[in-house]
C-alpha atoms as a PDB file:
ATOM      1  CA  UNK A   1       0.000   0.000   0.000  1.00  0.00           C
ATOM      2  CA  UNK A   2       1.246   3.497  -0.844  1.00  0.00           C
ATOM      3  CA  UNK A   3       0.152   6.582   1.062  1.00  0.00           C
ATOM      4  CA  UNK A   4       0.485  10.065  -0.390  1.00  0.00           C
ATOM      5  CA  UNK A   5       0.628  12.757   2.318  1.00  0.00           C
ATOM      6  CA  UNK A   6      -0.195  16.440   1.963  1.00  0.00           C
ATOM      7  CA  UNK A   7       0.748  19.493   4.002  1.00  0.00           C
ATOM      8  CA  UNK A   8      -2.159  19.521   6.461  1.00  0.00           C
ATOM      9  CA  UNK A   9      -1.567  16.059   7.904  1.00  0.00           C
ATOM     10  CA  UNK A  10       2.190  16.683   8.080  1.00  0.00           C
ATOM     11  CA  UNK A  11       1.703  19.886  10.055  1.00  0.00           C
ATOM     12  CA  UNK A  12      -0.850  18.166  12.289  1.00  0.00           C
ATOM     13  CA  UNK A  13       1.566  15.325  12.951  1.00  0.00           C
ATOM     14  CA  UNK A  14       4.396  17.666  13.925  1.00  0.00           C
ATOM     15  CA  UNK A  15       2.535  20.382  15.862  1.00  0.00           C
ATOM     16  CA  UNK A  16       1.234  19.030  19.152  1.00  0.00           C
ATOM     17  CA  UNK A  17      -1.278  21.855  19.561  1.00  0.00           C
ATOM     18  CA  UNK A  18      -2.816  21.369  16.110  1.00  0.00           C
ATOM     19  CA  UNK A  19      -6.518  20.478  16.212  1.00  0.00           C
ATOM     20  CA  UNK A  20      -5.848  17.319  14.175  1.00  0.00           C
ATOM     21  CA  UNK A  21      -2.676  16.224  16.001  1.00  0.00           C
ATOM     22  CA  UNK A  22      -4.234  13.234  17.778  1.00  0.00           C
ATOM     23  CA  UNK A  23      -5.869  12.065  14.544  1.00  0.00           C
ATOM     24  CA  UNK A  24      -2.555  12.341  12.687  1.00  0.00           C
ATOM     25  CA  UNK A  25      -0.737  10.378  15.410  1.00  0.00           C
ATOM     26  CA  UNK A  26      -3.412   7.679  15.304  1.00  0.00           C
ATOM     27  CA  UNK A  27      -2.796   7.287  11.569  1.00  0.00           C
ATOM     28  CA  UNK A  28       0.817   6.304  12.301  1.00  0.00           C
ATOM     29  CA  UNK A  29      -0.471   3.033  13.759  1.00  0.00           C
ATOM     30  CA  UNK A  30      -1.829   1.958  10.365  1.00  0.00           C
ATOM     31  CA  UNK A  31       0.536   3.836   8.058  1.00  0.00           C
ATOM     32  CA  UNK A  32       2.981   1.974   5.838  1.00  0.00           C
ATOM     33  CA  UNK A  33       6.680   2.199   6.694  1.00  0.00           C
ATOM     34  CA  UNK A  34       7.128   4.899   4.030  1.00  0.00           C
ATOM     35  CA  UNK A  35       4.732   7.660   2.999  1.00  0.00           C
ATOM     36  CA  UNK A  36       5.242   9.603  -0.215  1.00  0.00           C
ATOM     37  CA  UNK A  37       4.974  13.316  -0.841  1.00  0.00           C
ATOM     38  CA  UNK A  38       6.440  15.911  -3.199  1.00  0.00           C
ATOM     39  CA  UNK A  39       8.940  18.723  -2.836  1.00  0.00           C
ATOM     40  CA  UNK A  40       6.157  21.319  -2.961  1.00  0.00           C
ATOM     41  CA  UNK A  41       4.461  19.778   0.091  1.00  0.00           C
ATOM     42  CA  UNK A  42       7.728  19.735   2.013  1.00  0.00           C
ATOM     43  CA  UNK A  43       8.333  23.371   1.090  1.00  0.00           C
ATOM     44  CA  UNK A  44       4.836  24.424   2.138  1.00  0.00           C
ATOM     45  CA  UNK A  45       5.114  22.484   5.407  1.00  0.00           C
ATOM     46  CA  UNK A  46       8.404  24.218   6.174  1.00  0.00           C
ATOM     47  CA  UNK A  47       6.814  27.597   5.448  1.00  0.00           C
ATOM     48  CA  UNK A  48       3.849  26.953   7.747  1.00  0.00           C
ATOM     49  CA  UNK A  49       5.988  25.587  10.562  1.00  0.00           C
ATOM     50  CA  UNK A  50       8.418  28.509  10.443  1.00  0.00           C
ATOM     51  CA  UNK A  51       5.636  31.089  10.076  1.00  0.00           C
ATOM     52  CA  UNK A  52       4.011  29.822  13.272  1.00  0.00           C
ATOM     53  CA  UNK A  53       7.326  29.660  15.129  1.00  0.00           C
ATOM     54  CA  UNK A  54       7.678  25.859  15.196  1.00  0.00           C
ATOM     55  CA  UNK A  55      10.884  23.928  14.734  1.00  0.00           C
ATOM     56  CA  UNK A  56      11.394  22.177  11.415  1.00  0.00           C
ATOM     57  CA  UNK A  57      13.582  19.489  12.975  1.00  0.00           C
ATOM     58  CA  UNK A  58      10.736  16.965  13.265  1.00  0.00           C
ATOM     59  CA  UNK A  59       9.982  17.279   9.561  1.00  0.00           C
ATOM     60  CA  UNK A  60      13.621  16.635   8.707  1.00  0.00           C
ATOM     61  CA  UNK A  61      13.633  13.698  11.137  1.00  0.00           C
ATOM     62  CA  UNK A  62      10.680  12.127   9.291  1.00  0.00           C
ATOM     63  CA  UNK A  63      12.690  12.344   6.068  1.00  0.00           C
ATOM     64  CA  UNK A  64      15.974  11.233   7.632  1.00  0.00           C
ATOM     65  CA  UNK A  65      14.404   8.104   9.124  1.00  0.00           C
ATOM     66  CA  UNK A  66      12.961   7.187   5.732  1.00  0.00           C
ATOM     67  CA  UNK A  67       9.317   7.520   6.785  1.00  0.00           C
ATOM     68  CA  UNK A  68       8.746  10.543   4.525  1.00  0.00           C
ATOM     69  CA  UNK A  69       9.976  10.286   0.967  1.00  0.00           C
ATOM     70  CA  UNK A  70       9.681  12.862  -1.799  1.00  0.00           C
ATOM     71  CA  UNK A  71       9.124  11.008  -5.055  1.00  0.00           C
ATOM     72  CA  UNK A  72       7.475  13.756  -7.081  1.00  0.00           C
ATOM     73  CA  UNK A  73       9.920  16.633  -7.536  1.00  0.00           C
ATOM     74  CA  UNK A  74       8.524  19.705  -9.247  1.00  0.00           C
END
């Protein structure tokens, strides 16, 4: 199974105060080992995290561990 992830769920997963954070964390229990996204989603996620004063380290950790993979460069 392949999952494609967009900006909203990524932000919700990373930001503990996000209204959808618990839902996003629950999805990890059924998610495949790797989820796929594109460079544009990563860029937008970085923008939203920085704009709201959140660290981007968790996003980079998701990529470094291999969970988040960008397979659709634009």
